Amino acid sequence: MGESCRKSTITAALHQSGLYGRVARRKPLLSARHMKACMEFAKKHLKDSKMVRNKILWSDENFLALLLS
């Protein structure tokens, strides 16, 4: 613990281990075009039966669970 070393030494050791200091780019999940398409879909299917809504609208719940966890 008391020894000093260069940052490049630590970086090289991490790279050899397969670890990189990258951060994912933050981007919006939905573009304005996608939000508009979702809204149009929702309005079009507003009067569908509950069974149809459950099959269509919640078919991507695994994706939502991944986002919310």
PDB file of N, CA and C in Angstrom:
ATOM      1  N   MET A   1       0.805  -1.183   0.000  1.00  0.00           N
ATOM      2  CA  MET A   1       0.000   0.000   0.000  1.00  0.00           C
ATOM      3  C   MET A   1       0.852   1.252   0.000  1.00  0.00           C
ATOM      4  N   GLY A   2       1.997   1.230   0.594  1.00  0.00           N
ATOM      5  CA  GLY A   2       2.796   2.429   0.719  1.00  0.00           C
ATOM      6  C   GLY A   2       3.645   2.721  -0.506  1.00  0.00           C
ATOM      7  N   GLU A   3       3.603   1.874  -1.537  1.00  0.00           N
ATOM      8  CA  GLU A   3       4.425   2.084  -2.715  1.00  0.00           C
ATOM      9  C   GLU A   3       3.722   2.997  -3.706  1.00  0.00           C
ATOM     10  N   SER A   4       4.522   3.780  -4.443  1.00  0.00           N
ATOM     11  CA  SER A   4       3.937   4.653  -5.455  1.00  0.00           C
ATOM     12  C   SER A   4       4.150   4.042  -6.838  1.00  0.00           C
ATOM     13  N   CYS A   5       3.246   4.351  -7.743  1.00  0.00           N
ATOM     14  CA  CYS A   5       3.382   3.901  -9.124  1.00  0.00           C
ATOM     15  C   CYS A   5       2.657   4.882 -10.033  1.00  0.00           C
ATOM     16  N   ARG A   6       2.966   4.789 -11.286  1.00  0.00           N
ATOM     17  CA  ARG A   6       2.348   5.692 -12.251  1.00  0.00           C
ATOM     18  C   ARG A   6       0.925   5.241 -12.591  1.00  0.00           C
ATOM     19  N   LYS A   7       0.150   6.207 -13.033  1.00  0.00           N
ATOM     20  CA  LYS A   7      -1.216   5.910 -13.471  1.00  0.00           C
ATOM     21  C   LYS A   7      -1.192   4.968 -14.669  1.00  0.00           C
ATOM     22  N   SER A   8      -0.216   5.145 -15.554  1.00  0.00           N
ATOM     23  CA  SER A   8      -0.126   4.303 -16.748  1.00  0.00           C
ATOM     24  C   SER A   8       0.146   2.840 -16.389  1.00  0.00           C
ATOM     25  N   THR A   9       0.849   2.599 -15.280  1.00  0.00           N
ATOM     26  CA  THR A   9       1.112   1.232 -14.836  1.00  0.00           C
ATOM     27  C   THR A   9      -0.186   0.554 -14.412  1.00  0.00           C
ATOM     28  N   ILE A  10      -0.977   1.280 -13.666  1.00  0.00           N
ATOM     29  CA  ILE A  10      -2.258   0.735 -13.219  1.00  0.00           C
ATOM     30  C   ILE A  10      -3.176   0.518 -14.412  1.00  0.00           C
ATOM     31  N   THR A  11      -3.209   1.498 -15.323  1.00  0.00           N
ATOM     32  CA  THR A  11      -4.052   1.390 -16.511  1.00  0.00           C
ATOM     33  C   THR A  11      -3.652   0.184 -17.346  1.00  0.00           C
ATOM     34  N   ALA A  12      -2.358  -0.019 -17.529  1.00  0.00           N
ATOM     35  CA  ALA A  12      -1.875  -1.158 -18.317  1.00  0.00           C
ATOM     36  C   ALA A  12      -2.267  -2.481 -17.670  1.00  0.00           C
ATOM     37  N   ALA A  13      -2.162  -2.563 -16.357  1.00  0.00           N
ATOM     38  CA  ALA A  13      -2.539  -3.795 -15.653  1.00  0.00           C
ATOM     39  C   ALA A  13      -4.029  -4.063 -15.801  1.00  0.00           C
ATOM     40  N   LEU A  14      -4.840  -3.020 -15.692  1.00  0.00           N
ATOM     41  CA  LEU A  14      -6.285  -3.199 -15.865  1.00  0.00           C
ATOM     42  C   LEU A  14      -6.631  -3.623 -17.285  1.00  0.00           C
ATOM     43  N   HIS A  15      -5.964  -3.042 -18.282  1.00  0.00           N
ATOM     44  CA  HIS A  15      -6.214  -3.399 -19.679  1.00  0.00           C
ATOM     45  C   HIS A  15      -5.839  -4.855 -19.935  1.00  0.00           C
ATOM     46  N   GLN A  16      -4.762  -5.309 -19.338  1.00  0.00           N
ATOM     47  CA  GLN A  16      -4.364  -6.707 -19.511  1.00  0.00           C
ATOM     48  C   GLN A  16      -5.407  -7.654 -18.915  1.00  0.00           C
ATOM     49  N   SER A  17      -6.092  -7.180 -17.897  1.00  0.00           N
ATOM     50  CA  SER A  17      -7.137  -7.991 -17.265  1.00  0.00           C
ATOM     51  C   SER A  17      -8.473  -7.872 -17.984  1.00  0.00           C
ATOM     52  N   GLY A  18      -8.522  -7.024 -19.018  1.00  0.00           N
ATOM     53  CA  GLY A  18      -9.754  -6.874 -19.779  1.00  0.00           C
ATOM     54  C   GLY A  18     -10.691  -5.812 -19.221  1.00  0.00           C
ATOM     55  N   LEU A  19     -10.196  -4.960 -18.341  1.00  0.00           N
ATOM     56  CA  LEU A  19     -11.014  -3.897 -17.760  1.00  0.00           C
ATOM     57  C   LEU A  19     -10.653  -2.567 -18.394  1.00  0.00           C
ATOM     58  N   TYR A  20     -11.666  -1.833 -18.815  1.00  0.00           N
ATOM     59  CA  TYR A  20     -11.446  -0.551 -19.475  1.00  0.00           C
ATOM     60  C   TYR A  20     -12.323   0.500 -18.812  1.00  0.00           C
ATOM     61  N   GLY A  21     -11.843   1.712 -18.749  1.00  0.00           N
ATOM     62  CA  GLY A  21     -12.567   2.800 -18.104  1.00  0.00           C
ATOM     63  C   GLY A  21     -13.479   3.533 -19.051  1.00  0.00           C
ATOM     64  N   ARG A  22     -14.467   2.841 -19.579  1.00  0.00           N
ATOM     65  CA  ARG A  22     -15.399   3.457 -20.522  1.00  0.00           C
ATOM     66  C   ARG A  22     -16.739   3.670 -19.845  1.00  0.00           C
ATOM     67  N   VAL A  23     -17.405   4.723 -20.245  1.00  0.00           N
ATOM     68  CA  VAL A  23     -18.742   5.024 -19.736  1.00  0.00           C
ATOM     69  C   VAL A  23     -19.684   5.060 -20.930  1.00  0.00           C
ATOM     70  N   ALA A  24     -20.814   4.381 -20.804  1.00  0.00           N
ATOM     71  CA  ALA A  24     -21.783   4.342 -21.901  1.00  0.00           C
ATOM     72  C   ALA A  24     -22.342   5.734 -22.151  1.00  0.00           C
ATOM     73  N   ARG A  25     -22.557   6.059 -23.402  1.00  0.00           N
ATOM     74  CA  ARG A  25     -23.145   7.340 -23.773  1.00  0.00           C
ATOM     75  C   ARG A  25     -24.597   7.377 -23.336  1.00  0.00           C
ATOM     76  N   ARG A  26     -24.980   8.480 -22.729  1.00  0.00           N
ATOM     77  CA  ARG A  26     -26.374   8.656 -22.328  1.00  0.00           C
ATOM     78  C   ARG A  26     -27.154   9.192 -23.513  1.00  0.00           C
ATOM     79  N   LYS A  27     -28.253   8.556 -23.797  1.00  0.00           N
ATOM     80  CA  LYS A  27     -29.098   8.998 -24.897  1.00  0.00           C
ATOM     81  C   LYS A  27     -30.552   8.778 -24.514  1.00  0.00           C
ATOM     82  N   PRO A  28     -31.442   9.517 -25.094  1.00  0.00           N
ATOM     83  CA  PRO A  28     -32.856   9.314 -24.760  1.00  0.00           C
ATOM     84  C   PRO A  28     -33.326   7.940 -25.222  1.00  0.00           C
ATOM     85  N   LEU A  29     -34.186   7.339 -24.436  1.00  0.00           N
ATOM     86  CA  LEU A  29     -34.682   6.009 -24.784  1.00  0.00           C
ATOM     87  C   LEU A  29     -35.595   6.052 -26.005  1.00  0.00           C
ATOM     88  N   LEU A  30     -36.365   7.121 -26.136  1.00  0.00           N
ATOM     89  CA  LEU A  30     -37.271   7.243 -27.269  1.00  0.00           C
ATOM     90  C   LEU A  30     -37.073   8.597 -27.933  1.00  0.00           C
ATOM     91  N   SER A  31     -37.023   8.587 -29.241  1.00  0.00           N
ATOM     92  CA  SER A  31     -36.942   9.849 -29.976  1.00  0.00           C
ATOM     93  C   SER A  31     -38.349  10.444 -30.083  1.00  0.00           C
ATOM     94  N   ALA A  32     -38.424  11.671 -30.536  1.00  0.00           N
ATOM     95  CA  ALA A  32     -39.722  12.322 -30.692  1.00  0.00           C
ATOM     96  C   ALA A  32     -40.606  11.541 -31.675  1.00  0.00           C
ATOM     97  N   ARG A  33     -39.998  10.998 -32.716  1.00  0.00           N
ATOM     98  CA  ARG A  33     -40.739  10.209 -33.705  1.00  0.00           C
ATOM     99  C   ARG A  33     -41.318   8.950 -33.061  1.00  0.00           C
ATOM    100  N   HIS A  34     -40.517   8.281 -32.204  1.00  0.00           N
ATOM    101  CA  HIS A  34     -40.995   7.070 -31.543  1.00  0.00           C
ATOM    102  C   HIS A  34     -42.116   7.386 -30.566  1.00  0.00           C
ATOM    103  N   MET A  35     -41.978   8.495 -29.823  1.00  0.00           N
ATOM    104  CA  MET A  35     -43.026   8.859 -28.881  1.00  0.00           C
ATOM    105  C   MET A  35     -44.333   9.159 -29.605  1.00  0.00           C
ATOM    106  N   LYS A  36     -44.235   9.829 -30.755  1.00  0.00           N
ATOM    107  CA  LYS A  36     -45.428  10.140 -31.535  1.00  0.00           C
ATOM    108  C   LYS A  36     -46.082   8.856 -32.036  1.00  0.00           C
ATOM    109  N   ALA A  37     -45.266   7.913 -32.516  1.00  0.00           N
ATOM    110  CA  ALA A  37     -45.797   6.643 -33.012  1.00  0.00           C
ATOM    111  C   ALA A  37     -46.468   5.859 -31.883  1.00  0.00           C
ATOM    112  N   CYS A  38     -45.886   5.881 -30.686  1.00  0.00           N
ATOM    113  CA  CYS A  38     -46.486   5.191 -29.543  1.00  0.00           C
ATOM    114  C   CYS A  38     -47.827   5.808 -29.176  1.00  0.00           C
ATOM    115  N   MET A  39     -47.895   7.126 -29.197  1.00  0.00           N
ATOM    116  CA  MET A  39     -49.136   7.810 -28.862  1.00  0.00           C
ATOM    117  C   MET A  39     -50.222   7.502 -29.892  1.00  0.00           C
ATOM    118  N   GLU A  40     -49.869   7.493 -31.156  1.00  0.00           N
ATOM    119  CA  GLU A  40     -50.840   7.163 -32.205  1.00  0.00           C
ATOM    120  C   GLU A  40     -51.342   5.737 -32.049  1.00  0.00           C
ATOM    121  N   PHE A  41     -50.439   4.812 -31.726  1.00  0.00           N
ATOM    122  CA  PHE A  41     -50.815   3.419 -31.510  1.00  0.00           C
ATOM    123  C   PHE A  41     -51.783   3.310 -30.334  1.00  0.00           C
ATOM    124  N   ALA A  42     -51.464   4.010 -29.235  1.00  0.00           N
ATOM    125  CA  ALA A  42     -52.313   3.954 -28.048  1.00  0.00           C
ATOM    126  C   ALA A  42     -53.709   4.498 -28.343  1.00  0.00           C
ATOM    127  N   LYS A  43     -53.782   5.606 -29.076  1.00  0.00           N
ATOM    128  CA  LYS A  43     -55.085   6.180 -29.413  1.00  0.00           C
ATOM    129  C   LYS A  43     -55.879   5.256 -30.328  1.00  0.00           C
ATOM    130  N   LYS A  44     -55.176   4.607 -31.260  1.00  0.00           N
ATOM    131  CA  LYS A  44     -55.838   3.710 -32.206  1.00  0.00           C
ATOM    132  C   LYS A  44     -56.432   2.496 -31.493  1.00  0.00           C
ATOM    133  N   HIS A  45     -55.753   1.999 -30.460  1.00  0.00           N
ATOM    134  CA  HIS A  45     -56.169   0.783 -29.772  1.00  0.00           C
ATOM    135  C   HIS A  45     -56.846   1.059 -28.434  1.00  0.00           C
ATOM    136  N   LEU A  46     -57.310   2.256 -28.224  1.00  0.00           N
ATOM    137  CA  LEU A  46     -57.928   2.639 -26.960  1.00  0.00           C
ATOM    138  C   LEU A  46     -59.163   1.809 -26.636  1.00  0.00           C
ATOM    139  N   LYS A  47     -59.924   1.432 -27.613  1.00  0.00           N
ATOM    140  CA  LYS A  47     -61.184   0.720 -27.387  1.00  0.00           C
ATOM    141  C   LYS A  47     -61.040  -0.807 -27.481  1.00  0.00           C
ATOM    142  N   ASP A  48     -59.826  -1.307 -27.598  1.00  0.00           N
ATOM    143  CA  ASP A  48     -59.608  -2.759 -27.647  1.00  0.00           C
ATOM    144  C   ASP A  48     -60.004  -3.400 -26.321  1.00  0.00           C
ATOM    145  N   SER A  49     -60.306  -4.699 -26.372  1.00  0.00           N
ATOM    146  CA  SER A  49     -60.666  -5.413 -25.152  1.00  0.00           C
ATOM    147  C   SER A  49     -59.434  -5.541 -24.249  1.00  0.00           C
ATOM    148  N   LYS A  50     -59.680  -5.857 -22.992  1.00  0.00           N
ATOM    149  CA  LYS A  50     -58.586  -5.965 -22.024  1.00  0.00           C
ATOM    150  C   LYS A  50     -57.610  -7.071 -22.420  1.00  0.00           C
ATOM    151  N   MET A  51     -58.110  -8.184 -22.942  1.00  0.00           N
ATOM    152  CA  MET A  51     -57.239  -9.288 -23.329  1.00  0.00           C
ATOM    153  C   MET A  51     -56.300  -8.866 -24.464  1.00  0.00           C
ATOM    154  N   VAL A  52     -56.828  -8.166 -25.435  1.00  0.00           N
ATOM    155  CA  VAL A  52     -56.011  -7.707 -26.556  1.00  0.00           C
ATOM    156  C   VAL A  52     -54.960  -6.714 -26.070  1.00  0.00           C
ATOM    157  N   ARG A  53     -55.375  -5.787 -25.181  1.00  0.00           N
ATOM    158  CA  ARG A  53     -54.426  -4.802 -24.653  1.00  0.00           C
ATOM    159  C   ARG A  53     -53.293  -5.490 -23.908  1.00  0.00           C
ATOM    160  N   ASN A  54     -53.598  -6.493 -23.110  1.00  0.00           N
ATOM    161  CA  ASN A  54     -52.561  -7.185 -22.347  1.00  0.00           C
ATOM    162  C   ASN A  54     -51.579  -7.894 -23.270  1.00  0.00           C
ATOM    163  N   LYS A  55     -52.076  -8.455 -24.362  1.00  0.00           N
ATOM    164  CA  LYS A  55     -51.197  -9.149 -25.294  1.00  0.00           C
ATOM    165  C   LYS A  55     -50.307  -8.177 -26.061  1.00  0.00           C
ATOM    166  N   ILE A  56     -50.857  -7.043 -26.462  1.00  0.00           N
ATOM    167  CA  ILE A  56     -50.112  -6.112 -27.305  1.00  0.00           C
ATOM    168  C   ILE A  56     -49.272  -5.153 -26.484  1.00  0.00           C
ATOM    169  N   LEU A  57     -49.900  -4.448 -25.575  1.00  0.00           N
ATOM    170  CA  LEU A  57     -49.219  -3.351 -24.902  1.00  0.00           C
ATOM    171  C   LEU A  57     -48.163  -3.813 -23.909  1.00  0.00           C
ATOM    172  N   TRP A  58     -48.332  -4.968 -23.305  1.00  0.00           N
ATOM    173  CA  TRP A  58     -47.369  -5.409 -22.307  1.00  0.00           C
ATOM    174  C   TRP A  58     -46.471  -6.519 -22.824  1.00  0.00           C
ATOM    175  N   SER A  59     -46.361  -6.653 -24.116  1.00  0.00           N
ATOM    176  CA  SER A  59     -45.503  -7.691 -24.673  1.00  0.00           C
ATOM    177  C   SER A  59     -44.024  -7.372 -24.449  1.00  0.00           C
ATOM    178  N   ASP A  60     -43.708  -6.123 -24.100  1.00  0.00           N
ATOM    179  CA  ASP A  60     -42.313  -5.753 -23.892  1.00  0.00           C
ATOM    180  C   ASP A  60     -42.003  -5.549 -22.415  1.00  0.00           C
ATOM    181  N   GLU A  61     -42.729  -6.222 -21.515  1.00  0.00           N
ATOM    182  CA  GLU A  61     -42.519  -5.982 -20.095  1.00  0.00           C
ATOM    183  C   GLU A  61     -41.136  -6.432 -19.631  1.00  0.00           C
ATOM    184  N   ASN A  62     -40.513  -7.403 -20.310  1.00  0.00           N
ATOM    185  CA  ASN A  62     -39.158  -7.793 -19.945  1.00  0.00           C
ATOM    186  C   ASN A  62     -38.202  -6.635 -20.151  1.00  0.00           C
ATOM    187  N   PHE A  63     -38.388  -5.855 -21.218  1.00  0.00           N
ATOM    188  CA  PHE A  63     -37.558  -4.700 -21.473  1.00  0.00           C
ATOM    189  C   PHE A  63     -37.742  -3.658 -20.376  1.00  0.00           C
ATOM    190  N   LEU A  64     -38.995  -3.440 -19.951  1.00  0.00           N
ATOM    191  CA  LEU A  64     -39.258  -2.490 -18.884  1.00  0.00           C
ATOM    192  C   LEU A  64     -38.670  -2.958 -17.559  1.00  0.00           C
ATOM    193  N   ALA A  65     -38.762  -4.243 -17.283  1.00  0.00           N
ATOM    194  CA  ALA A  65     -38.185  -4.775 -16.049  1.00  0.00           C
ATOM    195  C   ALA A  65     -36.681  -4.563 -16.041  1.00  0.00           C
ATOM    196  N   LEU A  66     -36.064  -4.712 -17.178  1.00  0.00           N
ATOM    197  CA  LEU A  66     -34.624  -4.500 -17.276  1.00  0.00           C
ATOM    198  C   LEU A  66     -34.283  -3.034 -17.009  1.00  0.00           C
ATOM    199  N   LEU A  67     -35.085  -2.126 -17.541  1.00  0.00           N
ATOM    200  CA  LEU A  67     -34.834  -0.703 -17.339  1.00  0.00           C
ATOM    201  C   LEU A  67     -35.029  -0.289 -15.891  1.00  0.00           C
ATOM    202  N   LEU A  68     -36.030  -0.835 -15.233  1.00  0.00           N
ATOM    203  CA  LEU A  68     -36.367  -0.408 -13.892  1.00  0.00           C
ATOM    204  C   LEU A  68     -35.555  -1.095 -12.812  1.00  0.00           C
ATOM    205  N   SER A  69     -34.800  -2.113 -13.162  1.00  0.00           N
ATOM    206  CA  SER A  69     -34.007  -2.805 -12.138  1.00  0.00           C
ATOM    207  C   SER A  69     -32.665  -2.172 -11.948  1.00  0.00           C
TER     208      SER A  69
END
